């Protein structure tokens, strides 16, 4: 984070258990959200890493299940906070019910934020953009 001068870094597919925060030796703060059960598959978990500067602006953070973590920050603008959501969307191979539950939960989270606040969504949408190039022949594939 220091090398690139980053204040907030989001992670997906973390493999920690529980919902906790942990101060690292580098003085960064790691906030993570996971399944509560020890034997659950920890493939949907999300985390945020905060620099010392962003820790000073942090108001509160909370988990909204294994795929969503929220952090709320003060800004220099009076009366406006920054709401940050780190998320991990279910892939298309999940059943429709699981995807619907996630999107309904995400919508509910977003609707609770004051409309004058700055809201940032970051994470993995698990989308594919553009044409599927899987079967396209390229010049380096030609072995003649």
C-alpha atoms as a PDB file:
ATOM      1  CA  UNK A   1       0.000   0.000   0.000  1.00  0.00           C
ATOM      2  CA  UNK A   2       2.806   2.412   0.852  1.00  0.00           C
ATOM      3  CA  UNK A   3       4.620   1.803  -2.416  1.00  0.00           C
ATOM      4  CA  UNK A   4       1.591   2.954  -4.427  1.00  0.00           C
ATOM      5  CA  UNK A   5       0.437   5.538  -1.860  1.00  0.00           C
ATOM      6  CA  UNK A   6      -2.907   3.772  -1.314  1.00  0.00           C
ATOM      7  CA  UNK A   7      -5.164   4.485   1.650  1.00  0.00           C
ATOM      8  CA  UNK A   8      -7.783   1.758   1.179  1.00  0.00           C
ATOM      9  CA  UNK A   9      -7.291  -1.615  -0.452  1.00  0.00           C
ATOM     10  CA  UNK A  10     -10.068  -4.166  -0.976  1.00  0.00           C
ATOM     11  CA  UNK A  11      -9.701  -7.948  -1.035  1.00  0.00           C
ATOM     12  CA  UNK A  12     -11.993 -10.772  -2.105  1.00  0.00           C
ATOM     13  CA  UNK A  13     -11.805 -14.536  -1.593  1.00  0.00           C
ATOM     14  CA  UNK A  14     -10.011 -14.165   1.715  1.00  0.00           C
ATOM     15  CA  UNK A  15      -9.871 -17.240   3.911  1.00  0.00           C
ATOM     16  CA  UNK A  16     -10.148 -15.902   7.453  1.00  0.00           C
ATOM     17  CA  UNK A  17     -12.882 -16.924   9.833  1.00  0.00           C
ATOM     18  CA  UNK A  18     -15.204 -14.695  11.853  1.00  0.00           C
ATOM     19  CA  UNK A  19     -15.723 -10.954  11.529  1.00  0.00           C
ATOM     20  CA  UNK A  20     -12.798  -9.119  13.007  1.00  0.00           C
ATOM     21  CA  UNK A  21     -10.244  -6.385  12.724  1.00  0.00           C
ATOM     22  CA  UNK A  22      -6.531  -6.863  13.109  1.00  0.00           C
ATOM     23  CA  UNK A  23      -3.703  -4.345  13.353  1.00  0.00           C
ATOM     24  CA  UNK A  24      -0.760  -5.401  11.219  1.00  0.00           C
ATOM     25  CA  UNK A  25       2.926  -4.909  12.048  1.00  0.00           C
ATOM     26  CA  UNK A  26       2.971  -2.210   9.338  1.00  0.00           C
ATOM     27  CA  UNK A  27       0.339  -0.226  11.346  1.00  0.00           C
ATOM     28  CA  UNK A  28      -2.275  -0.884   8.685  1.00  0.00           C
ATOM     29  CA  UNK A  29      -5.662  -2.075   9.872  1.00  0.00           C
ATOM     30  CA  UNK A  30      -7.263  -5.149   8.339  1.00  0.00           C
ATOM     31  CA  UNK A  31     -11.070  -5.417   8.540  1.00  0.00           C
ATOM     32  CA  UNK A  32     -12.551  -8.693   7.392  1.00  0.00           C
ATOM     33  CA  UNK A  33     -15.899 -10.336   7.030  1.00  0.00           C
ATOM     34  CA  UNK A  34     -16.415 -14.052   6.702  1.00  0.00           C
ATOM     35  CA  UNK A  35     -18.736 -16.922   7.424  1.00  0.00           C
ATOM     36  CA  UNK A  36     -19.337 -17.197  11.147  1.00  0.00           C
ATOM     37  CA  UNK A  37     -19.039 -20.997  11.114  1.00  0.00           C
ATOM     38  CA  UNK A  38     -15.570 -22.526  11.257  1.00  0.00           C
ATOM     39  CA  UNK A  39     -16.425 -25.341   8.815  1.00  0.00           C
ATOM     40  CA  UNK A  40     -18.023 -23.072   6.175  1.00  0.00           C
ATOM     41  CA  UNK A  41     -16.217 -22.701   2.844  1.00  0.00           C
ATOM     42  CA  UNK A  42     -14.231 -19.474   3.079  1.00  0.00           C
ATOM     43  CA  UNK A  43     -14.293 -18.533  -0.592  1.00  0.00           C
ATOM     44  CA  UNK A  44     -16.752 -15.635  -0.498  1.00  0.00           C
ATOM     45  CA  UNK A  45     -15.052 -13.541   2.156  1.00  0.00           C
ATOM     46  CA  UNK A  46     -14.079  -9.889   1.760  1.00  0.00           C
ATOM     47  CA  UNK A  47     -11.663  -7.562   3.538  1.00  0.00           C
ATOM     48  CA  UNK A  48     -10.437  -3.980   3.618  1.00  0.00           C
ATOM     49  CA  UNK A  49      -6.942  -2.814   4.496  1.00  0.00           C
ATOM     50  CA  UNK A  50      -6.679   0.759   5.772  1.00  0.00           C
ATOM     51  CA  UNK A  51      -3.651   3.040   5.949  1.00  0.00           C
ATOM     52  CA  UNK A  52      -3.002   5.119   9.068  1.00  0.00           C
ATOM     53  CA  UNK A  53      -4.537   8.147   7.317  1.00  0.00           C
ATOM     54  CA  UNK A  54      -7.758   6.333   6.432  1.00  0.00           C
ATOM     55  CA  UNK A  55      -7.948   4.849   9.947  1.00  0.00           C
ATOM     56  CA  UNK A  56      -8.135   8.394  11.333  1.00  0.00           C
ATOM     57  CA  UNK A  57     -11.149   9.121   9.113  1.00  0.00           C
ATOM     58  CA  UNK A  58     -12.892   5.791   9.847  1.00  0.00           C
ATOM     59  CA  UNK A  59     -16.147   6.279  11.747  1.00  0.00           C
ATOM     60  CA  UNK A  60     -17.321   2.679  11.933  1.00  0.00           C
ATOM     61  CA  UNK A  61     -17.308  -0.500   9.882  1.00  0.00           C
ATOM     62  CA  UNK A  62     -19.572  -3.522   9.800  1.00  0.00           C
ATOM     63  CA  UNK A  63     -20.074  -6.818   8.063  1.00  0.00           C
ATOM     64  CA  UNK A  64     -23.190  -7.570   6.102  1.00  0.00           C
ATOM     65  CA  UNK A  65     -22.531 -11.275   5.639  1.00  0.00           C
ATOM     66  CA  UNK A  66     -19.624 -13.047   3.987  1.00  0.00           C
ATOM     67  CA  UNK A  67     -19.822 -11.158   0.690  1.00  0.00           C
ATOM     68  CA  UNK A  68     -20.258  -7.545   1.873  1.00  0.00           C
ATOM     69  CA  UNK A  69     -18.292  -5.308   4.209  1.00  0.00           C
ATOM     70  CA  UNK A  70     -19.089  -1.624   4.809  1.00  0.00           C
ATOM     71  CA  UNK A  71     -16.883   1.169   6.121  1.00  0.00           C
ATOM     72  CA  UNK A  72     -17.948   4.725   6.862  1.00  0.00           C
ATOM     73  CA  UNK A  73     -15.466   7.614   6.774  1.00  0.00           C
ATOM     74  CA  UNK A  74     -15.480  11.302   7.688  1.00  0.00           C
ATOM     75  CA  UNK A  75     -14.704  13.744   4.895  1.00  0.00           C
ATOM     76  CA  UNK A  76     -13.513  17.345   4.998  1.00  0.00           C
ATOM     77  CA  UNK A  77     -16.907  18.455   3.704  1.00  0.00           C
ATOM     78  CA  UNK A  78     -19.242  19.269   6.606  1.00  0.00           C
ATOM     79  CA  UNK A  79     -22.222  16.918   6.819  1.00  0.00           C
ATOM     80  CA  UNK A  80     -20.994  14.499   4.160  1.00  0.00           C
ATOM     81  CA  UNK A  81     -19.542  11.073   4.902  1.00  0.00           C
ATOM     82  CA  UNK A  82     -18.025   8.546   2.541  1.00  0.00           C
ATOM     83  CA  UNK A  83     -19.612   5.094   2.491  1.00  0.00           C
ATOM     84  CA  UNK A  84     -17.468   2.329   1.070  1.00  0.00           C
ATOM     85  CA  UNK A  85     -18.761  -1.140   0.229  1.00  0.00           C
ATOM     86  CA  UNK A  86     -16.390  -3.983  -0.610  1.00  0.00           C
ATOM     87  CA  UNK A  87     -18.322  -6.857  -2.196  1.00  0.00           C
ATOM     88  CA  UNK A  88     -17.965 -10.171  -3.979  1.00  0.00           C
ATOM     89  CA  UNK A  89     -20.853 -11.040  -6.313  1.00  0.00           C
ATOM     90  CA  UNK A  90     -21.841 -14.711  -6.750  1.00  0.00           C
ATOM     91  CA  UNK A  91     -20.720 -16.150 -10.078  1.00  0.00           C
ATOM     92  CA  UNK A  92     -23.206 -17.182 -12.754  1.00  0.00           C
ATOM     93  CA  UNK A  93     -22.872 -20.847 -11.805  1.00  0.00           C
ATOM     94  CA  UNK A  94     -24.598 -20.120  -8.462  1.00  0.00           C
ATOM     95  CA  UNK A  95     -28.319 -20.765  -8.371  1.00  0.00           C
ATOM     96  CA  UNK A  96     -30.667 -17.883  -9.129  1.00  0.00           C
ATOM     97  CA  UNK A  97     -31.941 -17.755  -5.560  1.00  0.00           C
ATOM     98  CA  UNK A  98     -28.435 -17.134  -4.164  1.00  0.00           C
ATOM     99  CA  UNK A  99     -27.810 -14.381  -6.713  1.00  0.00           C
ATOM    100  CA  UNK A 100     -31.190 -12.763  -6.003  1.00  0.00           C
ATOM    101  CA  UNK A 101     -30.518 -12.825  -2.253  1.00  0.00           C
ATOM    102  CA  UNK A 102     -27.157 -11.138  -2.764  1.00  0.00           C
ATOM    103  CA  UNK A 103     -28.514  -8.388  -5.028  1.00  0.00           C
ATOM    104  CA  UNK A 104     -31.482  -7.760  -2.710  1.00  0.00           C
ATOM    105  CA  UNK A 105     -29.121  -7.479   0.246  1.00  0.00           C
ATOM    106  CA  UNK A 106     -26.821  -5.135  -1.687  1.00  0.00           C
ATOM    107  CA  UNK A 107     -29.793  -2.956  -2.676  1.00  0.00           C
ATOM    108  CA  UNK A 108     -30.926  -2.825   0.950  1.00  0.00           C
ATOM    109  CA  UNK A 109     -27.437  -1.774   2.083  1.00  0.00           C
ATOM    110  CA  UNK A 110     -27.217   1.010  -0.503  1.00  0.00           C
ATOM    111  CA  UNK A 111     -30.716   2.338   0.204  1.00  0.00           C
ATOM    112  CA  UNK A 112     -29.820   2.925   3.871  1.00  0.00           C
ATOM    113  CA  UNK A 113     -27.099   5.460   3.028  1.00  0.00           C
ATOM    114  CA  UNK A 114     -27.996   9.165   3.164  1.00  0.00           C
ATOM    115  CA  UNK A 115     -28.383  10.456  -0.390  1.00  0.00           C
ATOM    116  CA  UNK A 116     -26.041  13.407   0.168  1.00  0.00           C
ATOM    117  CA  UNK A 117     -23.159  11.097   1.191  1.00  0.00           C
ATOM    118  CA  UNK A 118     -20.491   9.873  -1.192  1.00  0.00           C
ATOM    119  CA  UNK A 119     -20.928   6.130  -1.808  1.00  0.00           C
ATOM    120  CA  UNK A 120     -18.217   3.983  -3.389  1.00  0.00           C
ATOM    121  CA  UNK A 121     -18.757   0.378  -4.485  1.00  0.00           C
ATOM    122  CA  UNK A 122     -15.675  -1.725  -5.089  1.00  0.00           C
ATOM    123  CA  UNK A 123     -15.205  -5.400  -5.542  1.00  0.00           C
ATOM    124  CA  UNK A 124     -15.641  -8.223  -7.988  1.00  0.00           C
ATOM    125  CA  UNK A 125     -18.776  -8.145 -10.139  1.00  0.00           C
ATOM    126  CA  UNK A 126     -17.832 -11.467 -11.766  1.00  0.00           C
ATOM    127  CA  UNK A 127     -18.849 -10.133 -15.167  1.00  0.00           C
ATOM    128  CA  UNK A 128     -17.476 -10.848 -18.599  1.00  0.00           C
ATOM    129  CA  UNK A 129     -17.283  -7.926 -20.984  1.00  0.00           C
ATOM    130  CA  UNK A 130     -16.754  -8.218 -24.723  1.00  0.00           C
ATOM    131  CA  UNK A 131     -16.855 -11.156 -27.043  1.00  0.00           C
ATOM    132  CA  UNK A 132     -15.782 -14.626 -26.028  1.00  0.00           C
ATOM    133  CA  UNK A 133     -12.365 -15.166 -27.621  1.00  0.00           C
ATOM    134  CA  UNK A 134     -11.963 -18.730 -26.396  1.00  0.00           C
ATOM    135  CA  UNK A 135     -11.921 -20.306 -29.843  1.00  0.00           C
ATOM    136  CA  UNK A 136     -10.304 -17.510 -31.846  1.00  0.00           C
ATOM    137  CA  UNK A 137      -7.236 -18.592 -33.761  1.00  0.00           C
ATOM    138  CA  UNK A 138      -4.212 -16.325 -33.361  1.00  0.00           C
ATOM    139  CA  UNK A 139      -1.032 -16.158 -35.411  1.00  0.00           C
ATOM    140  CA  UNK A 140       1.079 -17.749 -32.665  1.00  0.00           C
ATOM    141  CA  UNK A 141      -1.361 -20.701 -32.501  1.00  0.00           C
ATOM    142  CA  UNK A 142      -0.474 -21.600 -36.059  1.00  0.00           C
ATOM    143  CA  UNK A 143       2.097 -24.407 -35.948  1.00  0.00           C
ATOM    144  CA  UNK A 144       2.381 -24.985 -39.734  1.00  0.00           C
END
